[in-house]
C-alpha atoms as a PDB file:
ATOM      1  CA  ASN A   1     -24.059 -25.271  51.776  1.00  0.00           C
ATOM      2  CA  SER A   2     -22.695 -22.302  53.723  1.00  0.00           C
ATOM      3  CA  ASP A   3     -25.601 -23.166  56.517  1.00  0.00           C
ATOM      4  CA  ASP A   4     -23.952 -26.407  57.121  1.00  0.00           C
ATOM      5  CA  LEU A   5     -20.331 -25.224  57.098  1.00  0.00           C
ATOM      6  CA  ASN A   6     -21.305 -22.578  60.010  1.00  0.00           C
ATOM      7  CA  GLU A   7     -22.830 -25.434  61.838  1.00  0.00           C
ATOM      8  CA  ARG A   8     -19.422 -27.161  61.963  1.00  0.00           C
ATOM      9  CA  MET A   9     -17.711 -23.832  62.554  1.00  0.00           C
ATOM     10  CA  MET A  10     -19.885 -23.034  65.765  1.00  0.00           C
ATOM     11  CA  ALA A  11     -18.833 -26.794  66.823  1.00  0.00           C
ATOM     12  CA  VAL A  12     -15.319 -25.980  66.928  1.00  0.00           C
ATOM     13  CA  THR A  13     -14.184 -25.200  70.579  1.00  0.00           C
ATOM     14  CA  VAL A  14     -10.367 -24.422  71.510  1.00  0.00           C
ATOM     15  CA  GLU A  15      -8.832 -25.898  74.483  1.00  0.00           C
ATOM     16  CA  GLU A  16      -6.213 -27.521  76.128  1.00  0.00           C
ATOM     17  CA  GLY A  17      -2.980 -26.079  77.654  1.00  0.00           C
ATOM     18  CA  GLY A  18      -0.826 -23.413  76.608  1.00  0.00           C
ATOM     19  CA  SER A  19      -0.928 -19.684  77.105  1.00  0.00           C
ATOM     20  CA  GLY A  20      -2.968 -18.666  74.194  1.00  0.00           C
ATOM     21  CA  PRO A  21      -6.803 -19.681  73.276  1.00  0.00           C
ATOM     22  CA  ALA A  22      -5.453 -21.218  70.080  1.00  0.00           C
ATOM     23  CA  SER A  23      -3.297 -23.865  71.526  1.00  0.00           C
ATOM     24  CA  ALA A  24      -5.371 -26.966  70.431  1.00  0.00           C
ATOM     25  CA  ILE A  25      -8.783 -27.382  68.266  1.00  0.00           C
ATOM     26  CA  ASN A  26     -11.351 -29.981  69.647  1.00  0.00           C
ATOM     27  CA  VAL A  27     -14.793 -30.741  67.518  1.00  0.00           C
ATOM     28  CA  ALA A  28     -17.758 -31.024  69.475  1.00  0.00           C
ATOM     29  CA  LYS A  29     -19.263 -34.393  68.980  1.00  0.00           C
ATOM     30  CA  LYS A  30     -23.134 -34.646  68.232  1.00  0.00           C
ATOM     31  CA  PRO A  31     -24.766 -36.819  70.770  1.00  0.00           C
ATOM     32  CA  GLY A  32     -25.809 -39.990  69.427  1.00  0.00           C
ATOM     33  CA  LYS A  33     -28.305 -42.761  70.336  1.00  0.00           C
ATOM     34  CA  LYS A  34     -27.306 -44.945  73.045  1.00  0.00           C
ATOM     35  CA  LYS A  35     -26.299 -48.148  71.379  1.00  0.00           C
ATOM     36  CA  LYS A  36     -28.849 -50.941  73.140  1.00  0.00           C
ATOM     37  CA  GLY A  37     -27.703 -54.574  73.243  1.00  0.00           C
ATOM     38  CA  ASP A  38     -28.160 -56.778  70.382  1.00  0.00           C
ATOM     39  CA  PRO A  39     -31.477 -58.046  69.942  1.00  0.00           C
ATOM     40  CA  GLU A  40     -32.304 -61.335  72.134  1.00  0.00           C
ATOM     41  CA  VAL A  41     -35.014 -64.011  72.748  1.00  0.00           C
ATOM     42  CA  THR A  42     -35.450 -64.382  76.873  1.00  0.00           C
ATOM     43  CA  ILE A  43     -37.467 -67.190  77.969  1.00  0.00           C
ATOM     44  CA  SER A  44     -38.402 -67.049  81.642  1.00  0.00           C
ATOM     45  CA  LEU A  45     -40.409 -68.872  84.341  1.00  0.00           C
ATOM     46  CA  SER A  46     -43.147 -66.625  86.409  1.00  0.00           C
ATOM     47  CA  ASN A  47     -44.918 -67.984  89.172  1.00  0.00           C
ATOM     48  CA  ARG A  48     -48.615 -67.778  89.594  1.00  0.00           C
ATOM     49  CA  LYS A  49     -50.975 -68.088  92.426  1.00  0.00           C
ATOM     50  CA  GLY A  50     -50.215 -71.528  94.166  1.00  0.00           C
ATOM     51  CA  LYS A  51     -47.738 -74.027  92.701  1.00  0.00           C
ATOM     52  CA  LYS A  52     -48.962 -72.794  89.143  1.00  0.00           C
ATOM     53  CA  SER A  53     -46.280 -71.687  86.767  1.00  0.00           C
ATOM     54  CA  ALA A  54     -46.266 -69.622  83.345  1.00  0.00           C
ATOM     55  CA  THR A  55     -43.570 -69.410  80.657  1.00  0.00           C
ATOM     56  CA  VAL A  56     -42.779 -66.017  79.535  1.00  0.00           C
ATOM     57  CA  VAL A  57     -41.174 -65.432  76.220  1.00  0.00           C
ATOM     58  CA  LEU A  58     -39.707 -61.770  75.313  1.00  0.00           C
ATOM     59  CA  GLY A  59     -38.164 -60.317  72.020  1.00  0.00           C
ATOM     60  CA  ALA A  60     -39.484 -62.927  69.543  1.00  0.00           C
ATOM     61  CA  ASP A  61     -41.042 -60.029  67.712  1.00  0.00           C
ATOM     62  CA  LEU A  62     -37.505 -58.598  66.865  1.00  0.00           C
ATOM     63  CA  PHE A  63     -36.955 -61.314  64.934  1.00  0.00           C
ATOM     64  CA  GLY A  64     -39.823 -61.080  62.426  1.00  0.00           C
ATOM     65  CA  VAL A  65     -41.863 -63.644  64.208  1.00  0.00           C
ATOM     66  CA  LYS A  66     -45.552 -62.792  64.751  1.00  0.00           C
ATOM     67  CA  LEU A  67     -46.644 -63.315  68.379  1.00  0.00           C
ATOM     68  CA  ALA A  68     -49.996 -64.727  67.696  1.00  0.00           C
ATOM     69  CA  ASP A  69     -48.616 -67.226  65.095  1.00  0.00           C
ATOM     70  CA  VAL A  70     -46.206 -68.690  67.997  1.00  0.00           C
ATOM     71  CA  ALA A  71     -49.039 -68.676  70.856  1.00  0.00           C
ATOM     72  CA  LYS A  72     -51.104 -70.381  68.065  1.00  0.00           C
ATOM     73  CA  LEU A  73     -48.755 -73.123  67.367  1.00  0.00           C
ATOM     74  CA  CYS A  74     -47.602 -73.357  71.302  1.00  0.00           C
ATOM     75  CA  LYS A  75     -51.295 -74.126  72.098  1.00  0.00           C
ATOM     76  CA  LYS A  76     -51.353 -77.054  69.746  1.00  0.00           C
ATOM     77  CA  LYS A  77     -48.089 -78.621  70.427  1.00  0.00           C
ATOM     78  CA  PHE A  78     -48.257 -78.349  74.056  1.00  0.00           C
ATOM     79  CA  SER A  79     -51.602 -78.661  74.796  1.00  0.00           C
ATOM     80  CA  CYS A  80     -51.788 -75.637  77.062  1.00  0.00           C
ATOM     81  CA  GLY A  81     -53.215 -72.325  77.446  1.00  0.00           C
ATOM     82  CA  CYS A  82     -51.236 -69.599  75.619  1.00  0.00           C
ATOM     83  CA  THR A  83     -51.621 -65.839  75.196  1.00  0.00           C
ATOM     84  CA  VAL A  84     -50.075 -62.554  73.676  1.00  0.00           C
ATOM     85  CA  SER A  85     -49.874 -59.912  76.340  1.00  0.00           C
ATOM     86  CA  LYS A  86     -48.279 -56.947  77.252  1.00  0.00           C
ATOM     87  CA  ASP A  87     -45.492 -56.728  80.243  1.00  0.00           C
ATOM     88  CA  ALA A  88     -44.784 -53.814  82.678  1.00  0.00           C
ATOM     89  CA  SER A  89     -42.553 -52.246  80.203  1.00  0.00           C
ATOM     90  CA  GLN A  90     -45.205 -52.642  77.392  1.00  0.00           C
ATOM     91  CA  ALA A  91     -43.432 -54.759  75.572  1.00  0.00           C
ATOM     92  CA  GLU A  92     -45.438 -57.824  73.957  1.00  0.00           C
ATOM     93  CA  THR A  93     -44.689 -61.265  75.703  1.00  0.00           C
ATOM     94  CA  ILE A  94     -45.942 -64.784  75.200  1.00  0.00           C
ATOM     95  CA  GLU A  95     -47.314 -66.408  78.394  1.00  0.00           C
ATOM     96  CA  ILE A  96     -47.628 -69.991  78.381  1.00  0.00           C
ATOM     97  CA  GLN A  97     -49.025 -72.120  80.954  1.00  0.00           C
ATOM     98  CA  GLY A  98     -46.526 -74.521  82.759  1.00  0.00           C
ATOM     99  CA  ASP A  99     -42.839 -74.397  82.618  1.00  0.00           C
ATOM    100  CA  ARG A 100     -42.034 -75.231  78.867  1.00  0.00           C
ATOM    101  CA  ARG A 101     -38.954 -73.230  78.687  1.00  0.00           C
ATOM    102  CA  ARG A 102     -36.940 -75.525  76.496  1.00  0.00           C
ATOM    103  CA  GLU A 103     -39.633 -76.852  74.534  1.00  0.00           C
ATOM    104  CA  THR A 104     -40.220 -73.253  73.590  1.00  0.00           C
ATOM    105  CA  ALA A 105     -36.792 -72.546  72.564  1.00  0.00           C
ATOM    106  CA  GLU A 106     -36.890 -75.414  70.259  1.00  0.00           C
ATOM    107  CA  LEU A 107     -40.064 -74.525  68.736  1.00  0.00           C
ATOM    108  CA  LEU A 108     -38.624 -70.903  67.881  1.00  0.00           C
ATOM    109  CA  VAL A 109     -35.904 -72.504  66.273  1.00  0.00           C
ATOM    110  CA  LYS A 110     -37.247 -75.154  64.209  1.00  0.00           C
ATOM    111  CA  GLU A 111     -40.778 -73.640  63.431  1.00  0.00           C
ATOM    112  CA  PHE A 112     -39.705 -69.949  62.880  1.00  0.00           C
ATOM    113  CA  SER A 113     -35.797 -69.802  61.994  1.00  0.00           C
ATOM    114  CA  VAL A 114     -34.790 -67.846  64.842  1.00  0.00           C
ATOM    115  CA  PRO A 115     -31.238 -67.968  65.349  1.00  0.00           C
ATOM    116  CA  GLU A 116     -29.958 -70.582  68.307  1.00  0.00           C
ATOM    117  CA  SER A 117     -27.279 -68.037  69.312  1.00  0.00           C
ATOM    118  CA  VAL A 118     -29.910 -65.169  70.561  1.00  0.00           C
ATOM    119  CA  ILE A 119     -32.005 -67.619  72.548  1.00  0.00           C
ATOM    120  CA  PHE A 120     -31.424 -67.357  76.378  1.00  0.00           C
ATOM    121  CA  ILE A 121     -33.427 -69.216  79.359  1.00  0.00           C
ATOM    122  CA  PHE A 122     -33.688 -67.853  82.943  1.00  0.00           C
ATOM    123  CA  GLU A 123     -32.903 -70.884  84.988  1.00  0.00           C
ATOM    124  CA  ASP A 124     -33.743 -68.876  87.975  1.00  0.00           C
ATOM    125  CA  LYS A 125     -34.639 -64.964  88.628  1.00  0.00           C
ATOM    126  CA  LYS A 126     -31.242 -63.798  87.937  1.00  0.00           C
ATOM    127  CA  THR A 127     -29.197 -67.014  86.005  1.00  0.00           C
ATOM    128  CA  LYS A 128     -29.355 -66.405  82.258  1.00  0.00           C
ATOM    129  CA  VAL A 129     -28.018 -68.954  80.132  1.00  0.00           C
ATOM    130  CA  ALA A 130     -27.633 -69.873  76.412  1.00  0.00           C
ATOM    131  CA  ALA A 131     -30.705 -72.255  75.451  1.00  0.00           C
ATOM    132  CA  PHE A 132     -28.179 -74.217  73.093  1.00  0.00           C
ATOM    133  CA  GLY A 133     -24.680 -74.561  74.040  1.00  0.00           C
END
């Protein structure tokens, strides 16, 4: 493939000290995708009007879990309202009425086989701790 060879030859640059242009050869790297962090499930508490609060689950869909199934099971187990909605970044989340952070983490592990090591709970707005451990 001469086209491929030509592209590689164009990516070679000559740099570094010395008096002549051929003192060292560097191969230009192709820009790659930025590595995102490992997928994780975050469970946080969101304040609603008055004293009411809601538990928000983000990232469960990254582990092959159908969010509608989780919402349906949460409604039954916790006897509360639960819905699948989109957050500000257009990511799908599960909103559960009330503070159900610990119970939701246990439910994801037992019923949907999400690994314990990837579930994190926000104790307050900034403090993220592992749900199990």
